[in-house]
Amino acid sequence: MITQLTTTYITPIGVIIFGGIIGSFLNVCIFRLPREKSIILPPSSCPTCHNKIRFYDNIPILSYLILKGKCRVCGSKIALRYPLVEFLTIALFFSLYLKFGLSLEFAVNMLFVSLLIVISFIDIDFKIIPDVLSLGGMATGFILSFFRYPFGYLDSLIGIFIGGGILYGIAIAYGAIAKREGMGGGDIKLLGMIGAFSGIKGVLFTLMAGSLIGSIVGIILMLTQGKDMKYALPFGPFLSLGAIIYIFSGDYLEKGFVRLITGQ
């Protein structure tokens, strides 16, 4: 009875609460890392009036709704991004729990998607991907690969070199043809990090899916907002989205591809 109660209610609720807490921390990382500020100290404060945010005003999503999206002290608007990141983290963590249960893969992929969320929003705002996230994530993913089965350190190592190598080759070729930089080093390191966590299959899928989604979004922007082909669209969020799709659907897509090829 207790085991069933824990599985049905307590653990899922715990995952949701934990996702909200981590989502709140990811917001801190998104704001402070590109500004080269500590993610530990000082405590969170309003960016407008700089008053310290009280603990009861820092409850993920709920505080935003209670405060109607405004600072309690100065009344300045709180960016919608904050509850969005918290909700996104909760949704992804809960989906990972449904897929992997309480397991090492669950923990590894929570870390992976957390890195992807932070990287995506920083890239959108600043068009940079901090090395502490990409290279740090790459090293962490490789170390964790020694404890994952059947995924292993060779899968991770090959994923790193294939991922980084593919984008590096594309960047060099594009630069030689177009005589300008078309892909930053941050994207190359990011794909290497994705390879560390997902291996060569994940890297290849991520690159194809990210490129397809990015192309579609780019075409829509050109048609609706008059952007030209030289418009610098950050690629990190699309690679991150491709990697997340692979986490949840990669095994099904792989099986479907095999059936298509074999006719079975």
C-alpha atoms as a PDB file:
ATOM      1  CA  MET A   1       0.000   0.000   0.000  1.00  0.00           C
ATOM      2  CA  ILE A   2       2.781   2.432   0.964  1.00  0.00           C
ATOM      3  CA  THR A   3       4.799   1.510  -2.131  1.00  0.00           C
ATOM      4  CA  GLN A   4       1.791   2.047  -4.376  1.00  0.00           C
ATOM      5  CA  LEU A   5       1.023   5.386  -2.692  1.00  0.00           C
ATOM      6  CA  THR A   6       4.620   6.522  -3.152  1.00  0.00           C
ATOM      7  CA  THR A   7       4.701   5.518  -6.830  1.00  0.00           C
ATOM      8  CA  THR A   8       1.296   6.993  -7.626  1.00  0.00           C
ATOM      9  CA  TYR A   9       1.408  10.281  -5.738  1.00  0.00           C
ATOM     10  CA  ILE A  10       4.412  11.097  -3.560  1.00  0.00           C
ATOM     11  CA  THR A  11       7.217  10.542  -6.068  1.00  0.00           C
ATOM     12  CA  PRO A  12       5.517  12.343  -9.004  1.00  0.00           C
ATOM     13  CA  ILE A  13       4.673  15.311  -6.751  1.00  0.00           C
ATOM     14  CA  GLY A  14       8.270  15.321  -5.508  1.00  0.00           C
ATOM     15  CA  VAL A  15       9.536  15.383  -9.089  1.00  0.00           C
ATOM     16  CA  ILE A  16       7.257  18.348  -9.884  1.00  0.00           C
ATOM     17  CA  ILE A  17       8.430  20.290  -6.817  1.00  0.00           C
ATOM     18  CA  PHE A  18      12.062  19.465  -7.547  1.00  0.00           C
ATOM     19  CA  GLY A  19      11.594  20.562 -11.158  1.00  0.00           C
ATOM     20  CA  GLY A  20      10.241  23.910 -10.003  1.00  0.00           C
ATOM     21  CA  ILE A  21      13.161  24.451  -7.627  1.00  0.00           C
ATOM     22  CA  ILE A  22      15.714  23.588 -10.305  1.00  0.00           C
ATOM     23  CA  GLY A  23      13.848  25.751 -12.830  1.00  0.00           C
ATOM     24  CA  SER A  24      14.159  28.701 -10.455  1.00  0.00           C
ATOM     25  CA  PHE A  25      17.895  28.034 -10.149  1.00  0.00           C
ATOM     26  CA  LEU A  26      18.222  27.800 -13.938  1.00  0.00           C
ATOM     27  CA  ASN A  27      16.723  31.287 -14.167  1.00  0.00           C
ATOM     28  CA  VAL A  28      19.532  32.517 -11.919  1.00  0.00           C
ATOM     29  CA  CYS A  29      22.095  30.838 -14.194  1.00  0.00           C
ATOM     30  CA  ILE A  30      20.507  32.308 -17.333  1.00  0.00           C
ATOM     31  CA  PHE A  31      20.620  35.822 -15.897  1.00  0.00           C
ATOM     32  CA  ARG A  32      24.014  35.746 -14.184  1.00  0.00           C
ATOM     33  CA  LEU A  33      26.350  33.502 -16.211  1.00  0.00           C
ATOM     34  CA  PRO A  34      26.536  35.694 -19.341  1.00  0.00           C
ATOM     35  CA  ARG A  35      27.052  38.710 -17.065  1.00  0.00           C
ATOM     36  CA  GLU A  36      29.906  36.862 -15.336  1.00  0.00           C
ATOM     37  CA  LYS A  37      28.245  37.047 -11.922  1.00  0.00           C
ATOM     38  CA  SER A  38      28.224  34.418  -9.168  1.00  0.00           C
ATOM     39  CA  ILE A  39      25.259  32.043  -9.302  1.00  0.00           C
ATOM     40  CA  ILE A  40      25.470  31.538  -5.531  1.00  0.00           C
ATOM     41  CA  LEU A  41      25.753  35.016  -4.007  1.00  0.00           C
ATOM     42  CA  PRO A  42      24.183  37.481  -3.528  1.00  0.00           C
ATOM     43  CA  PRO A  43      20.606  36.212  -3.041  1.00  0.00           C
ATOM     44  CA  SER A  44      18.059  36.905  -5.761  1.00  0.00           C
ATOM     45  CA  SER A  45      16.890  40.506  -6.021  1.00  0.00           C
ATOM     46  CA  CYS A  46      14.696  42.632  -8.268  1.00  0.00           C
ATOM     47  CA  PRO A  47      16.778  43.801 -11.264  1.00  0.00           C
ATOM     48  CA  THR A  48      14.984  47.176 -11.166  1.00  0.00           C
ATOM     49  CA  CYS A  49      14.864  48.228  -7.500  1.00  0.00           C
ATOM     50  CA  HIS A  50      17.513  45.727  -6.306  1.00  0.00           C
ATOM     51  CA  ASN A  51      15.505  44.773  -3.219  1.00  0.00           C
ATOM     52  CA  LYS A  52      16.077  41.224  -2.020  1.00  0.00           C
ATOM     53  CA  ILE A  53      13.299  38.875  -3.101  1.00  0.00           C
ATOM     54  CA  ARG A  54      11.583  37.329  -0.073  1.00  0.00           C
ATOM     55  CA  PHE A  55      11.377  33.553   0.042  1.00  0.00           C
ATOM     56  CA  TYR A  56       7.589  33.587  -0.261  1.00  0.00           C
ATOM     57  CA  ASP A  57       7.878  35.715  -3.397  1.00  0.00           C
ATOM     58  CA  ASN A  58      10.271  33.220  -4.955  1.00  0.00           C
ATOM     59  CA  ILE A  59       8.007  30.171  -5.158  1.00  0.00           C
ATOM     60  CA  PRO A  60       8.227  28.831  -8.732  1.00  0.00           C
ATOM     61  CA  ILE A  61       5.286  29.873 -10.949  1.00  0.00           C
ATOM     62  CA  LEU A  62       2.944  30.376  -7.971  1.00  0.00           C
ATOM     63  CA  SER A  63       4.617  33.611  -6.792  1.00  0.00           C
ATOM     64  CA  TYR A  64       4.481  35.019 -10.322  1.00  0.00           C
ATOM     65  CA  LEU A  65       0.730  34.399 -10.444  1.00  0.00           C
ATOM     66  CA  ILE A  66       0.101  35.813  -6.952  1.00  0.00           C
ATOM     67  CA  LEU A  67       2.141  38.940  -7.686  1.00  0.00           C
ATOM     68  CA  LYS A  68       0.487  39.256 -11.116  1.00  0.00           C
ATOM     69  CA  GLY A  69       3.907  39.369 -12.751  1.00  0.00           C
ATOM     70  CA  LYS A  70       5.132  42.414 -10.825  1.00  0.00           C
ATOM     71  CA  CYS A  71       7.732  43.136  -8.136  1.00  0.00           C
ATOM     72  CA  ARG A  72       6.092  43.468  -4.721  1.00  0.00           C
ATOM     73  CA  VAL A  73       8.245  46.501  -3.827  1.00  0.00           C
ATOM     74  CA  CYS A  74       8.569  48.639  -6.953  1.00  0.00           C
ATOM     75  CA  GLY A  75       5.831  47.207  -9.151  1.00  0.00           C
ATOM     76  CA  SER A  76       8.113  46.647 -12.143  1.00  0.00           C
ATOM     77  CA  LYS A  77       7.172  43.834 -14.489  1.00  0.00           C
ATOM     78  CA  ILE A  78       8.726  40.408 -14.000  1.00  0.00           C
ATOM     79  CA  ALA A  79       9.755  38.879 -17.309  1.00  0.00           C
ATOM     80  CA  LEU A  80       7.446  36.096 -18.466  1.00  0.00           C
ATOM     81  CA  ARG A  81      10.585  34.066 -19.141  1.00  0.00           C
ATOM     82  CA  TYR A  82      10.936  33.254 -15.427  1.00  0.00           C
ATOM     83  CA  PRO A  83       7.737  31.195 -15.022  1.00  0.00           C
ATOM     84  CA  LEU A  84       8.230  29.855 -18.554  1.00  0.00           C
ATOM     85  CA  VAL A  85      11.633  28.377 -17.657  1.00  0.00           C
ATOM     86  CA  GLU A  86      10.204  26.957 -14.416  1.00  0.00           C
ATOM     87  CA  PHE A  87       7.238  25.400 -16.211  1.00  0.00           C
ATOM     88  CA  LEU A  88       9.465  24.010 -18.962  1.00  0.00           C
ATOM     89  CA  THR A  89      11.795  22.442 -16.398  1.00  0.00           C
ATOM     90  CA  ILE A  90       8.908  20.883 -14.493  1.00  0.00           C
ATOM     91  CA  ALA A  91       7.367  19.504 -17.696  1.00  0.00           C
ATOM     92  CA  LEU A  92      10.652  18.005 -18.914  1.00  0.00           C
ATOM     93  CA  PHE A  93      11.584  16.523 -15.527  1.00  0.00           C
ATOM     94  CA  PHE A  94       8.154  14.949 -15.155  1.00  0.00           C
ATOM     95  CA  SER A  95       8.324  13.568 -18.702  1.00  0.00           C
ATOM     96  CA  LEU A  96      11.778  12.123 -17.958  1.00  0.00           C
ATOM     97  CA  TYR A  97      10.371  10.487 -14.829  1.00  0.00           C
ATOM     98  CA  LEU A  98       7.584   8.895 -16.853  1.00  0.00           C
ATOM     99  CA  LYS A  99      10.124   7.578 -19.368  1.00  0.00           C
ATOM    100  CA  PHE A 100      12.961   6.427 -17.095  1.00  0.00           C
ATOM    101  CA  GLY A 101      11.477   6.160 -13.610  1.00  0.00           C
ATOM    102  CA  LEU A 102      13.773   6.742 -10.640  1.00  0.00           C
ATOM    103  CA  SER A 103      17.021   5.635 -12.249  1.00  0.00           C
ATOM    104  CA  LEU A 104      20.488   6.803 -13.202  1.00  0.00           C
ATOM    105  CA  GLU A 105      19.246   7.661 -16.706  1.00  0.00           C
ATOM    106  CA  PHE A 106      16.594   9.858 -15.121  1.00  0.00           C
ATOM    107  CA  ALA A 107      19.236  11.772 -13.148  1.00  0.00           C
ATOM    108  CA  VAL A 108      21.652  12.031 -16.093  1.00  0.00           C
ATOM    109  CA  ASN A 109      18.990  13.352 -18.430  1.00  0.00           C
ATOM    110  CA  MET A 110      17.712  15.838 -15.853  1.00  0.00           C
ATOM    111  CA  LEU A 111      21.207  17.311 -15.795  1.00  0.00           C
ATOM    112  CA  PHE A 112      21.394  17.178 -19.609  1.00  0.00           C
ATOM    113  CA  VAL A 113      18.099  19.003 -20.232  1.00  0.00           C
ATOM    114  CA  SER A 114      18.954  21.551 -17.514  1.00  0.00           C
ATOM    115  CA  LEU A 115      22.138  22.433 -19.396  1.00  0.00           C
ATOM    116  CA  LEU A 116      20.201  22.634 -22.673  1.00  0.00           C
ATOM    117  CA  ILE A 117      17.602  24.987 -21.165  1.00  0.00           C
ATOM    118  CA  VAL A 118      20.216  27.375 -19.781  1.00  0.00           C
ATOM    119  CA  ILE A 119      22.247  27.294 -23.000  1.00  0.00           C
ATOM    120  CA  SER A 120      19.170  27.944 -25.159  1.00  0.00           C
ATOM    121  CA  PHE A 121      17.953  31.027 -23.287  1.00  0.00           C
ATOM    122  CA  ILE A 122      21.429  32.515 -22.972  1.00  0.00           C
ATOM    123  CA  ASP A 123      21.992  31.996 -26.704  1.00  0.00           C
ATOM    124  CA  ILE A 124      18.656  33.660 -27.483  1.00  0.00           C
ATOM    125  CA  ASP A 125      19.468  36.695 -25.314  1.00  0.00           C
ATOM    126  CA  PHE A 126      23.196  37.115 -25.943  1.00  0.00           C
ATOM    127  CA  LYS A 127      24.018  34.880 -28.938  1.00  0.00           C
ATOM    128  CA  ILE A 128      26.770  33.208 -26.907  1.00  0.00           C
ATOM    129  CA  ILE A 129      27.179  29.797 -25.291  1.00  0.00           C
ATOM    130  CA  PRO A 130      29.421  29.984 -22.207  1.00  0.00           C
ATOM    131  CA  ASP A 131      32.263  27.453 -22.162  1.00  0.00           C
ATOM    132  CA  VAL A 132      31.487  26.603 -18.546  1.00  0.00           C
ATOM    133  CA  LEU A 133      28.248  25.058 -19.818  1.00  0.00           C
ATOM    134  CA  SER A 134      29.335  23.457 -23.105  1.00  0.00           C
ATOM    135  CA  LEU A 135      32.825  22.281 -22.167  1.00  0.00           C
ATOM    136  CA  GLY A 136      31.847  21.628 -18.555  1.00  0.00           C
ATOM    137  CA  GLY A 137      28.817  19.673 -19.739  1.00  0.00           C
ATOM    138  CA  MET A 138      30.958  17.775 -22.237  1.00  0.00           C
ATOM    139  CA  ALA A 139      33.388  16.666 -19.513  1.00  0.00           C
ATOM    140  CA  THR A 140      30.542  15.768 -17.151  1.00  0.00           C
ATOM    141  CA  GLY A 141      28.710  13.776 -19.811  1.00  0.00           C
ATOM    142  CA  PHE A 142      31.873  11.815 -20.584  1.00  0.00           C
ATOM    143  CA  ILE A 143      32.542  11.037 -16.906  1.00  0.00           C
ATOM    144  CA  LEU A 144      28.943   9.902 -16.375  1.00  0.00           C
ATOM    145  CA  SER A 145      29.184   7.608 -19.402  1.00  0.00           C
ATOM    146  CA  PHE A 146      31.384   5.243 -17.377  1.00  0.00           C
ATOM    147  CA  PHE A 147      28.393   4.481 -15.141  1.00  0.00           C
ATOM    148  CA  ARG A 148      25.687   4.177 -17.809  1.00  0.00           C
ATOM    149  CA  TYR A 149      24.666   0.906 -19.433  1.00  0.00           C
ATOM    150  CA  PRO A 150      24.359   0.028 -22.272  1.00  0.00           C
ATOM    151  CA  PHE A 151      25.555   3.527 -23.153  1.00  0.00           C
ATOM    152  CA  GLY A 152      29.291   3.636 -22.418  1.00  0.00           C
ATOM    153  CA  TYR A 153      32.390   5.776 -22.563  1.00  0.00           C
ATOM    154  CA  LEU A 154      33.153   4.825 -26.192  1.00  0.00           C
ATOM    155  CA  ASP A 155      29.682   6.006 -27.252  1.00  0.00           C
ATOM    156  CA  SER A 156      30.313   9.278 -25.431  1.00  0.00           C
ATOM    157  CA  LEU A 157      33.821   9.748 -26.794  1.00  0.00           C
ATOM    158  CA  ILE A 158      32.778   9.076 -30.382  1.00  0.00           C
ATOM    159  CA  GLY A 159      29.786  11.379 -29.943  1.00  0.00           C
ATOM    160  CA  ILE A 160      32.057  14.186 -28.753  1.00  0.00           C
ATOM    161  CA  PHE A 161      34.456  13.919 -31.680  1.00  0.00           C
ATOM    162  CA  ILE A 162      31.793  13.326 -34.318  1.00  0.00           C
ATOM    163  CA  GLY A 163      29.587  16.115 -32.966  1.00  0.00           C
ATOM    164  CA  GLY A 164      32.289  18.726 -32.659  1.00  0.00           C
ATOM    165  CA  GLY A 165      34.032  17.538 -35.813  1.00  0.00           C
ATOM    166  CA  ILE A 166      30.959  17.720 -38.053  1.00  0.00           C
ATOM    167  CA  LEU A 167      30.103  21.295 -37.127  1.00  0.00           C
ATOM    168  CA  TYR A 168      33.726  22.365 -37.238  1.00  0.00           C
ATOM    169  CA  GLY A 169      34.010  20.990 -40.772  1.00  0.00           C
ATOM    170  CA  ILE A 170      30.781  22.701 -41.815  1.00  0.00           C
ATOM    171  CA  ALA A 171      31.950  25.994 -40.282  1.00  0.00           C
ATOM    172  CA  ILE A 172      35.277  25.844 -42.114  1.00  0.00           C
ATOM    173  CA  ALA A 173      33.606  24.986 -45.432  1.00  0.00           C
ATOM    174  CA  TYR A 174      30.974  27.712 -45.055  1.00  0.00           C
ATOM    175  CA  GLY A 175      33.593  30.298 -44.156  1.00  0.00           C
ATOM    176  CA  ALA A 176      35.673  29.394 -47.191  1.00  0.00           C
ATOM    177  CA  ILE A 177      32.677  29.611 -49.548  1.00  0.00           C
ATOM    178  CA  ALA A 178      30.755  32.564 -48.075  1.00  0.00           C
ATOM    179  CA  LYS A 179      33.834  34.474 -46.846  1.00  0.00           C
ATOM    180  CA  ARG A 180      32.159  35.070 -43.484  1.00  0.00           C
ATOM    181  CA  GLU A 181      31.524  33.205 -40.266  1.00  0.00           C
ATOM    182  CA  GLY A 182      28.265  31.276 -40.343  1.00  0.00           C
ATOM    183  CA  MET A 183      28.585  29.183 -37.212  1.00  0.00           C
ATOM    184  CA  GLY A 184      30.191  30.095 -33.918  1.00  0.00           C
ATOM    185  CA  GLY A 185      32.532  28.009 -31.827  1.00  0.00           C
ATOM    186  CA  GLY A 186      29.840  27.799 -29.164  1.00  0.00           C
ATOM    187  CA  ASP A 187      27.605  25.718 -31.442  1.00  0.00           C
ATOM    188  CA  ILE A 188      30.497  23.361 -32.182  1.00  0.00           C
ATOM    189  CA  LYS A 189      31.191  22.842 -28.488  1.00  0.00           C
ATOM    190  CA  LEU A 190      27.464  22.435 -27.814  1.00  0.00           C
ATOM    191  CA  LEU A 191      27.129  19.618 -30.337  1.00  0.00           C
ATOM    192  CA  GLY A 192      30.204  18.011 -28.789  1.00  0.00           C
ATOM    193  CA  MET A 193      28.462  18.208 -25.406  1.00  0.00           C
ATOM    194  CA  ILE A 194      25.310  16.678 -26.867  1.00  0.00           C
ATOM    195  CA  GLY A 195      27.474  13.862 -28.232  1.00  0.00           C
ATOM    196  CA  ALA A 196      28.931  13.270 -24.761  1.00  0.00           C
ATOM    197  CA  PHE A 197      25.444  12.584 -23.414  1.00  0.00           C
ATOM    198  CA  SER A 198      23.762  10.934 -26.414  1.00  0.00           C
ATOM    199  CA  GLY A 199      26.486   9.396 -28.596  1.00  0.00           C
ATOM    200  CA  ILE A 200      26.809   9.391 -32.378  1.00  0.00           C
ATOM    201  CA  LYS A 201      23.141   8.539 -33.039  1.00  0.00           C
ATOM    202  CA  GLY A 202      21.989  11.391 -30.846  1.00  0.00           C
ATOM    203  CA  VAL A 203      24.440  13.805 -32.463  1.00  0.00           C
ATOM    204  CA  LEU A 204      23.395  12.965 -36.017  1.00  0.00           C
ATOM    205  CA  PHE A 205      19.700  13.138 -35.180  1.00  0.00           C
ATOM    206  CA  THR A 206      20.181  16.408 -33.285  1.00  0.00           C
ATOM    207  CA  LEU A 207      22.033  18.022 -36.174  1.00  0.00           C
ATOM    208  CA  MET A 208      19.413  16.968 -38.728  1.00  0.00           C
ATOM    209  CA  ALA A 209      16.427  17.884 -36.557  1.00  0.00           C
ATOM    210  CA  GLY A 210      17.974  21.153 -35.388  1.00  0.00           C
ATOM    211  CA  SER A 211      18.878  22.171 -38.935  1.00  0.00           C
ATOM    212  CA  LEU A 212      15.391  21.334 -40.218  1.00  0.00           C
ATOM    213  CA  ILE A 213      13.594  23.205 -37.434  1.00  0.00           C
ATOM    214  CA  GLY A 214      16.004  26.144 -37.707  1.00  0.00           C
ATOM    215  CA  SER A 215      15.477  26.342 -41.476  1.00  0.00           C
ATOM    216  CA  ILE A 216      11.702  26.353 -41.067  1.00  0.00           C
ATOM    217  CA  VAL A 217      11.859  29.112 -38.448  1.00  0.00           C
ATOM    218  CA  GLY A 218      14.299  31.090 -40.598  1.00  0.00           C
ATOM    219  CA  ILE A 219      12.011  30.889 -43.634  1.00  0.00           C
ATOM    220  CA  ILE A 220       9.026  32.002 -41.534  1.00  0.00           C
ATOM    221  CA  LEU A 221      11.009  35.008 -40.234  1.00  0.00           C
ATOM    222  CA  MET A 222      12.043  35.952 -43.766  1.00  0.00           C
ATOM    223  CA  LEU A 223       8.466  35.782 -45.012  1.00  0.00           C
ATOM    224  CA  THR A 224       6.776  37.487 -42.062  1.00  0.00           C
ATOM    225  CA  GLN A 225       9.375  39.983 -40.833  1.00  0.00           C
ATOM    226  CA  GLY A 226      11.386  40.675 -43.949  1.00  0.00           C
ATOM    227  CA  LYS A 227      14.620  39.170 -42.606  1.00  0.00           C
ATOM    228  CA  ASP A 228      17.258  38.367 -45.204  1.00  0.00           C
ATOM    229  CA  MET A 229      19.417  35.248 -45.423  1.00  0.00           C
ATOM    230  CA  LYS A 230      22.240  36.977 -43.532  1.00  0.00           C
ATOM    231  CA  TYR A 231      20.082  37.334 -40.404  1.00  0.00           C
ATOM    232  CA  ALA A 232      21.960  35.776 -37.467  1.00  0.00           C
ATOM    233  CA  LEU A 233      19.574  33.255 -35.952  1.00  0.00           C
ATOM    234  CA  PRO A 234      21.018  31.538 -32.840  1.00  0.00           C
ATOM    235  CA  PHE A 235      21.472  27.836 -33.588  1.00  0.00           C
ATOM    236  CA  GLY A 236      21.858  26.664 -29.978  1.00  0.00           C
ATOM    237  CA  PRO A 237      18.122  26.515 -29.172  1.00  0.00           C
ATOM    238  CA  PHE A 238      17.436  24.406 -32.274  1.00  0.00           C
ATOM    239  CA  LEU A 239      20.239  21.967 -31.462  1.00  0.00           C
ATOM    240  CA  SER A 240      18.926  21.770 -27.901  1.00  0.00           C
ATOM    241  CA  LEU A 241      15.400  21.086 -29.140  1.00  0.00           C
ATOM    242  CA  GLY A 242      16.713  18.365 -31.465  1.00  0.00           C
ATOM    243  CA  ALA A 243      18.571  16.754 -28.555  1.00  0.00           C
ATOM    244  CA  ILE A 244      15.459  16.825 -26.355  1.00  0.00           C
ATOM    245  CA  ILE A 245      13.365  15.249 -29.111  1.00  0.00           C
ATOM    246  CA  TYR A 246      15.990  12.504 -29.372  1.00  0.00           C
ATOM    247  CA  ILE A 247      15.866  11.821 -25.622  1.00  0.00           C
ATOM    248  CA  PHE A 248      12.155  11.109 -25.747  1.00  0.00           C
ATOM    249  CA  SER A 249      11.709   9.718 -29.266  1.00  0.00           C
ATOM    250  CA  GLY A 250      15.115   8.533 -30.462  1.00  0.00           C
ATOM    251  CA  ASP A 251      14.509   4.854 -29.729  1.00  0.00           C
ATOM    252  CA  TYR A 252      11.105   4.897 -31.474  1.00  0.00           C
ATOM    253  CA  LEU A 253      12.474   6.766 -34.479  1.00  0.00           C
ATOM    254  CA  GLU A 254      15.385   4.346 -34.727  1.00  0.00           C
ATOM    255  CA  LYS A 255      13.068   1.321 -34.670  1.00  0.00           C
ATOM    256  CA  GLY A 256      10.817   2.974 -37.244  1.00  0.00           C
ATOM    257  CA  PHE A 257      13.786   3.642 -39.513  1.00  0.00           C
ATOM    258  CA  VAL A 258      14.912   0.007 -39.247  1.00  0.00           C
ATOM    259  CA  ARG A 259      11.419  -1.207 -40.129  1.00  0.00           C
ATOM    260  CA  LEU A 260      11.352   1.154 -43.110  1.00  0.00           C
ATOM    261  CA  ILE A 261      14.669  -0.154 -44.386  1.00  0.00           C
ATOM    262  CA  THR A 262      13.990  -3.828 -43.745  1.00  0.00           C
ATOM    263  CA  GLY A 263      10.310  -3.729 -44.672  1.00  0.00           C
ATOM    264  CA  GLN A 264       9.342  -5.481 -41.445  1.00  0.00           C
END
